[in-house]
């Protein structure tokens, strides 16, 4: 008789978890494709198929390791209203005495399972996921609700605590952060050196048919041969490829963007020097510890990798990823409704098609629809920047980011979007609103050279929309931004312009805001 049921969620595919150290026929694991998870937002088709494929692969691996596993597809779970309804059925069917689950990383699921367990007449146990650097019960000592936290302070504490890139009590080479060396633009002569990305060919045709059969609404381009890793072995291959082929130039070009690498009708520059490990890490197929350790080992063994490359990568994993998780749990559920800038416009419909004359937006959105992926600067400073300066409601921005990206789970998406990108949290995550004009896009990409609009113009029909929208945004919020030392100088320069010049810019911006669908 089975006495214990253990639930494994789709982002809890951690083969190293202590649950799996011992095998028992009295323990049954359940992994289930759920309509509630496939439909709580409109997901990219590659995102759903990747999670389902990874879940299937994990269930198969557990069975091969002699664990007792129930895997349920959408066909099996369609008759249940939600996860609690399914669990009630399984507990009754298998005469379960104890229900166990790992803490979900999304608030809605954690709340759902907490409420569910209150109704149980059997025993239940809750476990940490054993995945992050910081355990769940450690977060409260690092993050406080409503308090403004800064990455750099947190990152340095993490480096010290976990002895990462340290030389005793000092950072390796004596410098904590090489961000200033991580902002290089890709020149035309650099493009030929960009390695072709390592991709996989995982057959998900059955999963795609299942998703269609159940009427799950999706966005994006479907691929029967899924290029994303769906198991630990593939994730480790992708990590090894990154360390060997990409890490030597990762830091140097981590903020760069290009639309010039199109060959045979396909953009081979979509991944550039980025690891694309975020889906595998967020699904817990591979741990952040192993990723950081592998990068540091490569740095120590390869003279072509300097400290600026590896530190930039470590900062993303040990620093930023752990940081936004702490922000999320310290501030939920109120964080999900913050709108400090009172943004209220709807997201333009071309966010679902890429059909805009703005080259930077068109490229970033089309890439996102094709691959369920865009790197952090495309997300922050292209799509995110547009939404910020245009005043798009953060609920709509959140929903789009949460759905379109393969690595988007709410705990990591929301602080990045509502916080860092949209400044809707009023500065809990970032020290300023990351607003930019077209000049930033010109500085960090080659998008502007073949754009319909002219980045050097602020007014006129051919002027880059980002320019006047940027100044309108800064003017609109000048009362609060004037006191910010990081935006004070910019506003001072704006206010030095003649009233007539400012009126022309604001007039152009207001016209654009009324015609966002036609940009």
Protein backbone atom coordinates (compact mmCIF):
# COMPACT_ATOMS: atom_id res chain seq x y z
CA UNK A 1 0.00 0.00 0.00
CA UNK A 2 1.25 3.47 -0.88
CA UNK A 3 1.36 5.62 2.23
CA UNK A 4 3.01 8.81 0.99
CA UNK A 5 2.24 10.97 -2.05
CA UNK A 6 4.87 13.48 -3.15
CA UNK A 7 3.93 16.23 -5.59
CA UNK A 8 6.54 17.44 -8.09
CA UNK A 9 5.66 20.65 -9.92
CA UNK A 10 6.82 21.42 -13.43
CA UNK A 11 9.61 23.71 -12.21
CA UNK A 12 10.85 21.27 -9.54
CA UNK A 13 12.78 18.84 -11.74
CA UNK A 14 15.71 18.60 -9.34
CA UNK A 15 17.28 15.15 -9.48
CA UNK A 16 19.66 16.15 -6.68
CA UNK A 17 16.87 16.74 -4.16
CA UNK A 18 17.14 14.72 -0.94
CA UNK A 19 13.76 13.13 -1.74
CA UNK A 20 15.45 10.88 -4.27
CA UNK A 21 18.36 9.59 -2.17
CA UNK A 22 16.32 6.63 -1.02
CA UNK A 23 13.83 4.47 -2.91
CA UNK A 24 10.64 3.23 -1.29
CA UNK A 25 7.61 1.44 -2.68
CA UNK A 26 5.58 3.25 -0.04
CA UNK A 27 6.32 6.59 -1.73
CA UNK A 28 4.62 7.63 -4.95
CA UNK A 29 5.62 10.72 -6.91
CA UNK A 30 3.07 12.53 -9.04
CA UNK A 31 3.92 14.84 -11.94
CA UNK A 32 0.95 16.24 -13.80
CA UNK A 33 0.22 18.40 -16.81
CA UNK A 34 -2.43 20.76 -15.48
CA UNK A 35 -4.91 22.90 -17.33
CA UNK A 36 -4.61 25.54 -14.59
CA UNK A 37 -0.86 25.84 -15.23
CA UNK A 38 -1.17 25.86 -19.01
CA UNK A 39 -3.84 28.55 -18.93
CA UNK A 40 -3.24 31.00 -16.04
CA UNK A 41 -1.72 33.26 -18.68
CA UNK A 42 -1.33 32.91 -22.44
CA UNK A 43 2.01 31.11 -22.72
CA UNK A 44 4.36 30.74 -25.65
CA UNK A 45 3.74 27.37 -27.29
CA UNK A 46 7.43 26.47 -26.91
CA UNK A 47 7.23 27.26 -23.20
CA UNK A 48 4.38 24.85 -22.53
CA UNK A 49 5.83 22.13 -24.73
CA UNK A 50 9.26 22.53 -23.11
CA UNK A 51 7.88 22.22 -19.59
CA UNK A 52 5.73 19.21 -20.51
CA UNK A 53 8.63 17.52 -22.29
CA UNK A 54 10.95 18.16 -19.35
CA UNK A 55 8.35 16.85 -16.92
CA UNK A 56 7.92 13.68 -18.96
CA UNK A 57 11.67 13.19 -19.16
CA UNK A 58 12.02 13.66 -15.41
CA UNK A 59 9.24 11.17 -14.67
CA UNK A 60 10.93 8.66 -16.95
CA UNK A 61 14.29 9.19 -15.24
CA UNK A 62 12.73 8.64 -11.81
CA UNK A 63 11.10 5.43 -12.99
CA UNK A 64 14.42 4.18 -14.40
CA UNK A 65 15.93 4.91 -11.00
CA UNK A 66 13.30 2.59 -9.46
CA UNK A 67 11.07 5.28 -7.97
CA UNK A 68 7.30 4.88 -8.16
CA UNK A 69 5.89 7.61 -10.40
CA UNK A 70 2.49 8.64 -11.69
CA UNK A 71 2.69 10.84 -14.78
CA UNK A 72 -0.56 12.45 -15.86
CA UNK A 73 -1.09 14.23 -19.17
CA UNK A 74 -3.71 16.84 -20.01
CA UNK A 75 -5.87 13.93 -21.15
CA UNK A 76 -5.71 12.46 -17.65
CA UNK A 77 -6.25 15.69 -15.72
CA UNK A 78 -8.87 17.44 -17.84
CA UNK A 79 -11.76 16.24 -15.65
CA UNK A 80 -10.34 17.85 -12.52
CA UNK A 81 -11.16 21.48 -11.76
CA UNK A 82 -7.71 22.30 -10.43
CA UNK A 83 -4.69 20.88 -8.60
CA UNK A 84 -6.48 20.37 -5.24
CA UNK A 85 -9.26 18.47 -7.00
CA UNK A 86 -6.71 16.17 -8.62
CA UNK A 87 -4.86 15.64 -5.33
CA UNK A 88 -8.07 14.73 -3.53
CA UNK A 89 -8.72 12.05 -6.13
CA UNK A 90 -5.21 10.61 -5.90
CA UNK A 91 -5.20 10.59 -2.10
CA UNK A 92 -8.46 8.67 -2.06
CA UNK A 93 -7.56 6.34 -4.92
CA UNK A 94 -4.21 5.31 -3.44
CA UNK A 95 -5.18 5.39 0.25
CA UNK A 96 -2.56 8.02 1.00
CA UNK A 97 -1.63 8.67 4.63
CA UNK A 98 0.80 11.56 4.10
CA UNK A 99 0.92 14.27 1.44
CA UNK A 100 4.27 16.00 0.72
CA UNK A 101 5.24 18.88 -1.48
CA UNK A 102 8.16 21.21 -2.08
CA UNK A 103 7.56 24.93 -1.54
CA UNK A 104 6.38 26.42 -4.84
CA UNK A 105 8.35 29.40 -6.10
CA UNK A 106 5.21 31.21 -7.27
CA UNK A 107 2.93 32.90 -4.76
CA UNK A 108 -0.34 31.70 -6.29
CA UNK A 109 0.73 28.04 -6.12
CA UNK A 110 2.15 28.36 -2.62
CA UNK A 111 -1.09 29.95 -1.44
CA UNK A 112 -3.14 27.28 -3.21
CA UNK A 113 -1.26 24.40 -1.58
CA UNK A 114 -1.19 26.10 1.83
CA UNK A 115 -4.97 26.49 1.74
CA UNK A 116 -5.38 22.97 0.45
CA UNK A 117 -3.39 21.43 3.27
CA UNK A 118 -5.58 23.20 5.82
CA UNK A 119 -8.47 21.11 4.54
CA UNK A 120 -6.67 17.76 4.71
CA UNK A 121 -7.58 15.12 7.23
CA UNK A 122 -4.28 13.32 6.65
CA UNK A 123 -0.74 14.37 7.55
CA UNK A 124 1.23 16.66 5.27
CA UNK A 125 4.87 17.76 5.07
CA UNK A 126 6.44 20.74 3.33
CA UNK A 127 10.03 20.75 2.04
CA UNK A 128 12.45 23.32 0.66
CA UNK A 129 13.30 22.90 -3.02
CA UNK A 130 17.02 22.69 -2.10
CA UNK A 131 17.85 24.62 -5.25
CA UNK A 132 18.78 28.23 -4.51
CA UNK A 133 21.85 29.54 -2.73
CA UNK A 134 19.60 30.91 -0.01
CA UNK A 135 17.10 28.57 1.60
CA UNK A 136 13.54 29.81 1.83
CA UNK A 137 13.80 30.43 5.58
CA UNK A 138 16.88 32.65 5.09
CA UNK A 139 15.21 35.22 2.85
CA UNK A 140 13.60 37.23 5.64
CA UNK A 141 17.02 38.08 7.09
CA UNK A 142 18.09 39.63 3.77
CA UNK A 143 14.90 41.29 2.52
CA UNK A 144 12.22 43.41 4.21
CA UNK A 145 8.81 44.30 2.83
CA UNK A 146 8.64 47.71 1.15
CA UNK A 147 12.31 48.46 1.78
CA UNK A 148 14.45 49.64 -1.13
CA UNK A 149 17.16 47.04 -1.72
CA UNK A 150 20.16 47.35 -4.00
CA UNK A 151 21.77 44.54 -5.91
CA UNK A 152 25.38 45.55 -5.38
CA UNK A 153 25.20 45.40 -1.59
CA UNK A 154 23.40 42.04 -1.67
CA UNK A 155 25.75 40.65 -4.33
CA UNK A 156 28.85 41.43 -2.32
CA UNK A 157 27.38 39.76 0.75
CA UNK A 158 26.64 36.66 -1.31
CA UNK A 159 30.16 36.59 -2.74
CA UNK A 160 31.60 36.66 0.77
CA UNK A 161 29.14 34.21 2.30
CA UNK A 162 29.59 31.59 -0.42
CA UNK A 163 33.28 32.35 -1.11
CA UNK A 164 32.73 32.97 -4.81
CA UNK A 165 35.51 34.75 -6.74
CA UNK A 166 37.11 35.75 -3.47
CA UNK A 167 40.71 35.97 -2.27
CA UNK A 168 40.29 35.74 1.46
CA UNK A 169 38.13 38.67 2.52
CA UNK A 170 38.72 40.59 -0.72
CA UNK A 171 37.28 40.10 -4.21
CA UNK A 172 39.54 38.31 -6.65
CA UNK A 173 41.78 40.89 -8.42
CA UNK A 174 40.64 43.49 -5.87
CA UNK A 175 37.57 44.61 -7.82
CA UNK A 176 33.98 43.58 -7.11
CA UNK A 177 32.25 44.54 -10.31
CA UNK A 178 33.29 44.82 -13.96
CA UNK A 179 30.00 46.17 -15.26
CA UNK A 180 31.73 49.09 -16.96
CA UNK A 181 33.57 46.56 -19.15
CA UNK A 182 30.36 44.68 -20.00
CA UNK A 183 28.81 47.28 -22.31
CA UNK A 184 30.54 46.81 -25.64
CA UNK A 185 28.71 47.14 -28.95
CA UNK A 186 29.19 44.47 -31.60
CA UNK A 187 31.06 45.98 -34.53
CA UNK A 188 30.59 44.60 -38.04
CA UNK A 189 33.97 42.87 -37.72
CA UNK A 190 32.76 41.04 -34.58
CA UNK A 191 29.74 39.39 -36.18
CA UNK A 192 31.56 36.59 -37.98
CA UNK A 193 33.10 35.42 -34.71
CA UNK A 194 29.78 34.79 -32.96
CA UNK A 195 29.38 31.01 -32.57
CA UNK A 196 26.32 29.27 -33.92
CA UNK A 197 24.15 28.39 -30.93
CA UNK A 198 23.95 24.84 -29.63
CA UNK A 199 20.35 23.71 -30.05
CA UNK A 200 18.58 20.40 -29.52
CA UNK A 201 16.01 18.50 -31.54
CA UNK A 202 13.52 17.18 -29.01
CA UNK A 203 10.45 15.72 -30.67
CA UNK A 204 7.41 17.36 -29.06
CA UNK A 205 4.90 16.65 -31.84
CA UNK A 206 2.71 14.56 -29.51
CA UNK A 207 2.74 17.33 -26.93
CA UNK A 208 1.84 19.97 -29.51
CA UNK A 209 -1.06 17.81 -30.68
CA UNK A 210 -2.22 17.41 -27.08
CA UNK A 211 -2.06 21.15 -26.42
CA UNK A 212 -4.09 21.81 -29.57
CA UNK A 213 -6.57 19.06 -28.76
CA UNK A 214 -7.32 20.61 -25.39
CA UNK A 215 -7.77 24.09 -26.81
CA UNK A 216 -4.97 25.65 -24.80
CA UNK A 217 -4.51 29.21 -26.08
CA UNK A 218 -0.87 30.00 -26.90
CA UNK A 219 1.31 32.57 -28.63
CA UNK A 220 4.50 32.28 -30.65
CA UNK A 221 5.97 29.92 -33.21
CA UNK A 222 5.57 26.19 -32.60
CA UNK A 223 8.46 23.83 -33.31
CA UNK A 224 7.99 20.05 -33.53
CA UNK A 225 11.72 19.70 -32.93
CA UNK A 226 12.16 21.73 -29.77
CA UNK A 227 15.56 23.40 -29.53
CA UNK A 228 15.53 23.82 -25.75
CA UNK A 229 17.09 21.35 -23.25
CA UNK A 230 14.53 19.09 -21.59
CA UNK A 231 16.71 17.02 -19.24
CA UNK A 232 19.73 17.31 -17.01
CA UNK A 233 22.07 15.79 -19.60
CA UNK A 234 21.14 18.35 -22.24
CA UNK A 235 21.37 21.18 -19.70
CA UNK A 236 24.91 20.08 -18.84
CA UNK A 237 25.78 19.99 -22.54
CA UNK A 238 24.53 23.54 -22.93
CA UNK A 239 26.52 24.63 -19.87
CA UNK A 240 29.70 23.03 -21.23
CA UNK A 241 29.16 24.71 -24.60
CA UNK A 242 28.69 28.08 -22.92
CA UNK A 243 31.86 27.74 -20.86
CA UNK A 244 33.95 26.72 -23.86
CA UNK A 245 32.55 28.75 -26.76
CA UNK A 246 30.71 31.73 -25.28
CA UNK A 247 32.10 32.67 -21.88
CA UNK A 248 35.37 34.08 -23.31
CA UNK A 249 33.40 37.02 -24.70
CA UNK A 250 30.23 36.88 -22.63
CA UNK A 251 30.93 39.82 -20.33
CA UNK A 252 32.30 41.99 -23.10
CA UNK A 253 29.17 41.70 -25.22
CA UNK A 254 26.46 40.80 -22.71
CA UNK A 255 24.57 44.07 -23.33
CA UNK A 256 25.04 44.13 -27.11
CA UNK A 257 22.27 43.66 -29.67
CA UNK A 258 22.35 43.04 -33.41
CA UNK A 259 19.88 42.50 -36.20
CA UNK A 260 22.55 41.88 -38.84
CA UNK A 261 23.11 38.16 -38.41
CA UNK A 262 20.38 36.94 -40.74
CA UNK A 263 21.40 34.12 -43.05
CA UNK A 264 19.14 31.89 -45.13
CA UNK A 265 16.12 33.67 -43.69
CA UNK A 266 16.97 32.78 -40.10
CA UNK A 267 18.54 35.06 -37.50
CA UNK A 268 21.54 33.13 -36.18
CA UNK A 269 22.48 35.95 -33.86
CA UNK A 270 19.52 35.57 -31.52
CA UNK A 271 21.56 33.96 -28.75
CA UNK A 272 24.88 35.81 -29.25
CA UNK A 273 27.19 35.01 -26.31
CA UNK A 274 24.41 34.27 -23.82
CA UNK A 275 24.17 30.91 -22.08
CA UNK A 276 20.41 30.38 -22.58
CA UNK A 277 20.50 28.26 -19.43
CA UNK A 278 17.72 30.17 -17.67
CA UNK A 279 14.96 27.70 -18.59
CA UNK A 280 17.00 24.72 -17.43
CA UNK A 281 17.95 26.48 -14.19
CA UNK A 282 14.44 27.77 -13.46
CA UNK A 283 12.97 24.31 -14.07
CA UNK A 284 15.70 23.06 -11.70
CA UNK A 285 17.17 20.58 -14.15
CA UNK A 286 20.51 22.10 -13.25
CA UNK A 287 21.47 24.06 -10.14
CA UNK A 288 22.77 27.63 -9.94
CA UNK A 289 25.67 26.30 -7.85
CA UNK A 290 26.80 23.94 -10.61
CA UNK A 291 26.45 26.65 -13.25
CA UNK A 292 28.52 29.17 -11.29
CA UNK A 293 31.12 26.55 -10.34
CA UNK A 294 31.48 25.43 -13.97
CA UNK A 295 31.98 29.01 -15.16
CA UNK A 296 34.62 29.68 -12.50
CA UNK A 297 36.40 26.42 -13.30
CA UNK A 298 36.48 27.39 -16.98
CA UNK A 299 37.89 30.79 -16.02
CA UNK A 300 40.61 29.18 -13.94
CA UNK A 301 41.59 26.77 -16.71
CA UNK A 302 41.24 28.96 -19.81
CA UNK A 303 43.51 31.97 -20.30
CA UNK A 304 41.09 33.31 -22.92
CA UNK A 305 38.52 33.99 -20.19
CA UNK A 306 39.32 37.04 -18.10
CA UNK A 307 37.76 38.12 -14.82
CA UNK A 308 35.37 40.60 -16.47
CA UNK A 309 33.72 37.80 -18.44
CA UNK A 310 33.14 35.40 -15.57
CA UNK A 311 32.24 38.07 -13.01
CA UNK A 312 29.52 39.42 -15.29
CA UNK A 313 28.02 35.95 -15.51
CA UNK A 314 28.33 35.17 -11.81
CA UNK A 315 26.63 38.47 -11.01
CA UNK A 316 23.58 37.37 -13.00
CA UNK A 317 23.24 34.01 -11.21
CA UNK A 318 24.57 34.47 -7.67
CA UNK A 319 23.55 38.13 -7.59
CA UNK A 320 20.55 39.10 -9.65
CA UNK A 321 18.66 35.79 -9.71
CA UNK A 322 18.82 35.37 -5.94
CA UNK A 323 18.12 39.09 -5.46
CA UNK A 324 14.85 39.21 -7.39
CA UNK A 325 13.63 36.07 -5.63
CA UNK A 326 14.16 37.77 -2.28
CA UNK A 327 12.37 40.91 -3.47
CA UNK A 328 9.43 38.83 -4.69
CA UNK A 329 8.85 36.91 -1.45
CA UNK A 330 9.38 39.94 0.78
CA UNK A 331 6.72 41.94 -1.05
CA UNK A 332 4.06 39.55 -2.34
CA UNK A 333 1.14 39.65 -2.80
CA UNK A 334 1.00 43.47 -2.73
CA UNK A 335 3.89 43.71 -5.17
CA UNK A 336 1.65 42.40 -7.96
CA UNK A 337 -0.55 45.50 -7.83
CA UNK A 338 2.07 48.25 -7.52
CA UNK A 339 1.84 51.01 -10.12
CA UNK A 340 3.90 53.88 -8.75
CA UNK A 341 3.92 55.82 -12.03
CA UNK A 342 0.18 55.42 -12.65
CA UNK A 343 0.77 53.90 -16.08
CA UNK A 344 -2.52 52.95 -17.71
CA UNK A 345 -2.27 52.50 -21.49
CA UNK A 346 -2.96 49.14 -23.16
CA UNK A 347 -0.16 47.15 -24.76
CA UNK A 348 -0.14 47.71 -28.55
CA UNK A 349 -1.37 44.72 -30.55
CA UNK A 350 1.94 44.48 -32.42
CA UNK A 351 3.52 43.02 -29.28
CA UNK A 352 1.91 39.79 -30.49
CA UNK A 353 3.10 40.10 -34.08
CA UNK A 354 6.25 42.24 -34.22
CA UNK A 355 4.60 44.34 -36.93
CA UNK A 356 6.01 47.76 -36.09
CA UNK A 357 8.22 50.07 -38.11
CA UNK A 358 10.54 50.49 -35.12
CA UNK A 359 13.41 48.15 -35.98
CA UNK A 360 14.52 47.52 -32.41
CA UNK A 361 11.03 46.58 -31.23
CA UNK A 362 10.27 44.56 -34.34
CA UNK A 363 13.45 42.51 -34.03
CA UNK A 364 13.19 41.89 -30.29
CA UNK A 365 9.50 40.94 -30.43
CA UNK A 366 9.80 38.76 -33.54
CA UNK A 367 12.75 36.97 -31.96
CA UNK A 368 10.71 36.44 -28.80
CA UNK A 369 7.81 34.99 -30.80
CA UNK A 370 10.15 32.73 -32.79
CA UNK A 371 12.31 31.45 -29.94
CA UNK A 372 10.46 32.27 -26.69
CA UNK A 373 13.67 34.08 -25.81
CA UNK A 374 15.33 37.48 -25.71
CA UNK A 375 18.36 38.41 -23.65
CA UNK A 376 18.21 40.74 -20.67
CA UNK A 377 18.98 44.00 -22.50
CA UNK A 378 16.40 43.31 -25.19
CA UNK A 379 13.87 42.75 -22.40
CA UNK A 380 14.92 45.71 -20.26
CA UNK A 381 15.99 48.36 -22.73
CA UNK A 382 13.96 47.58 -25.86
CA UNK A 383 10.52 46.15 -25.08
CA UNK A 384 10.68 47.18 -21.42
CA UNK A 385 11.91 50.69 -22.13
CA UNK A 386 9.17 51.26 -24.69
CA UNK A 387 6.47 50.13 -22.24
CA UNK A 388 7.95 52.34 -19.52
CA UNK A 389 8.14 55.58 -21.48
CA UNK A 390 4.83 54.96 -23.25
CA UNK A 391 3.08 54.40 -19.92
CA UNK A 392 1.76 50.88 -20.55
CA UNK A 393 -0.11 49.43 -17.56
CA UNK A 394 2.25 47.16 -15.61
CA UNK A 395 -0.42 44.43 -15.41
CA UNK A 396 -0.34 44.12 -19.19
CA UNK A 397 3.46 44.26 -19.31
CA UNK A 398 3.72 41.58 -16.61
CA UNK A 399 1.30 39.32 -18.43
CA UNK A 400 3.14 39.60 -21.74
CA UNK A 401 6.56 38.87 -20.25
CA UNK A 402 5.20 36.03 -18.14
CA UNK A 403 3.68 34.37 -21.18
CA UNK A 404 6.18 34.89 -23.95
CA UNK A 405 9.48 33.82 -22.39
CA UNK A 406 10.40 30.20 -21.82
CA UNK A 407 12.16 31.00 -18.54
CA UNK A 408 9.40 33.25 -17.18
CA UNK A 409 8.06 32.15 -13.82
CA UNK A 410 6.39 34.83 -11.77
CA UNK A 411 9.00 34.96 -9.00
CA UNK A 412 11.72 35.96 -11.45
CA UNK A 413 9.59 37.74 -14.06
CA UNK A 414 7.66 40.16 -11.86
CA UNK A 415 10.52 41.91 -10.02
CA UNK A 416 12.34 42.20 -13.35
CA UNK A 417 9.31 43.61 -15.14
CA UNK A 418 7.20 45.52 -12.63
CA UNK A 419 10.29 46.49 -10.67
CA UNK A 420 13.46 46.91 -12.70
CA UNK A 421 11.88 47.53 -16.09
CA UNK A 422 8.72 49.52 -15.31
CA UNK A 423 9.68 51.19 -11.99
CA UNK A 424 6.13 50.40 -10.88
CA UNK A 425 7.43 49.45 -7.44
CA UNK A 426 8.68 53.01 -6.87
CA UNK A 427 12.30 51.98 -6.47
CA UNK A 428 12.26 48.81 -4.38
CA UNK A 429 14.40 47.06 -7.00
CA UNK A 430 16.11 49.86 -8.95
CA UNK A 431 17.54 53.20 -7.96
CA UNK A 432 16.02 54.93 -10.98
CA UNK A 433 13.58 54.39 -13.81
CA UNK A 434 15.54 52.73 -16.62
CA UNK A 435 14.20 55.02 -19.31
CA UNK A 436 16.17 55.74 -22.45
CA UNK A 437 15.89 57.54 -25.75
CA UNK A 438 16.84 56.12 -29.12
CA UNK A 439 20.44 57.08 -28.45
CA UNK A 440 20.86 54.12 -26.09
CA UNK A 441 19.63 51.74 -28.80
CA UNK A 442 22.08 53.29 -31.26
CA UNK A 443 24.90 52.95 -28.74
CA UNK A 444 24.29 49.27 -27.99
CA UNK A 445 23.01 47.89 -31.30
CA UNK A 446 22.94 48.16 -35.07
CA UNK A 447 19.14 48.36 -35.20
CA UNK A 448 19.04 52.07 -36.05
CA UNK A 449 20.98 51.81 -39.32
CA UNK A 450 18.10 50.14 -41.17
CA UNK A 451 15.13 51.51 -39.25
CA UNK A 452 12.20 53.36 -40.82
CA UNK A 453 12.74 56.13 -38.27
CA UNK A 454 15.78 58.38 -37.84
CA UNK A 455 17.34 58.09 -34.41
CA UNK A 456 18.97 61.55 -34.69
CA UNK A 457 15.55 63.25 -34.93
CA UNK A 458 13.21 63.98 -32.03
CA UNK A 459 10.39 65.76 -33.86
CA UNK A 460 8.95 65.21 -37.32
CA UNK A 461 7.22 62.25 -38.96
CA UNK A 462 10.50 60.34 -39.39
CA UNK A 463 11.75 60.92 -35.84
CA UNK A 464 12.53 57.92 -33.66
CA UNK A 465 9.47 57.54 -31.40
CA UNK A 466 11.67 56.69 -28.42
CA UNK A 467 13.13 60.19 -28.37
CA UNK A 468 10.01 62.28 -27.82
CA UNK A 469 8.39 59.56 -25.67
CA UNK A 470 11.47 59.61 -23.45
CA UNK A 471 11.32 63.36 -22.91
CA UNK A 472 7.56 63.29 -22.38
CA UNK A 473 8.06 60.58 -19.76
CA UNK A 474 10.77 62.55 -17.97
CA UNK A 475 8.70 65.75 -18.08
CA UNK A 476 5.59 63.99 -16.81
CA UNK A 477 7.43 62.65 -13.77
CA UNK A 478 9.82 65.55 -13.24
CA UNK A 479 8.52 66.34 -9.76
CA UNK A 480 9.62 62.97 -8.41
CA UNK A 481 12.64 62.44 -10.68
CA UNK A 482 14.23 65.86 -9.94
CA UNK A 483 15.20 64.67 -6.48
CA UNK A 484 16.87 61.55 -7.82
CA UNK A 485 20.62 62.14 -8.25
CA UNK A 486 20.66 59.71 -11.20
CA UNK A 487 18.08 61.68 -13.20
CA UNK A 488 18.55 65.21 -11.86
CA UNK A 489 21.09 66.22 -14.52
CA UNK A 490 18.97 64.91 -17.38
CA UNK A 491 15.96 66.88 -16.21
CA UNK A 492 18.06 69.96 -15.75
CA UNK A 493 19.13 69.78 -19.42
CA UNK A 494 15.52 69.30 -20.50
CA UNK A 495 14.32 72.30 -18.56
CA UNK A 496 17.07 74.44 -20.11
CA UNK A 497 15.46 74.01 -23.51
CA UNK A 498 13.19 76.79 -24.71
CA UNK A 499 9.51 76.44 -23.98
CA UNK A 500 8.83 76.30 -27.72
CA UNK A 501 11.28 73.42 -28.24
CA UNK A 502 9.80 71.49 -25.33
CA UNK A 503 6.27 72.05 -26.64
CA UNK A 504 7.24 70.61 -30.04
CA UNK A 505 8.70 67.51 -28.43
CA UNK A 506 5.72 67.01 -26.15
CA UNK A 507 3.32 67.54 -29.05
CA UNK A 508 5.11 64.83 -31.05
CA UNK A 509 5.01 62.49 -28.04
CA UNK A 510 1.31 63.07 -27.41
CA UNK A 511 0.57 62.30 -31.05
CA UNK A 512 2.50 59.04 -30.76
CA UNK A 513 0.71 58.08 -27.55
CA UNK A 514 -2.61 58.47 -29.33
CA UNK A 515 -1.37 56.36 -32.23
CA UNK A 516 0.67 53.58 -30.60
CA UNK A 517 -0.98 50.97 -32.81
CA UNK A 518 0.50 52.60 -35.91
CA UNK A 519 4.15 53.03 -34.93
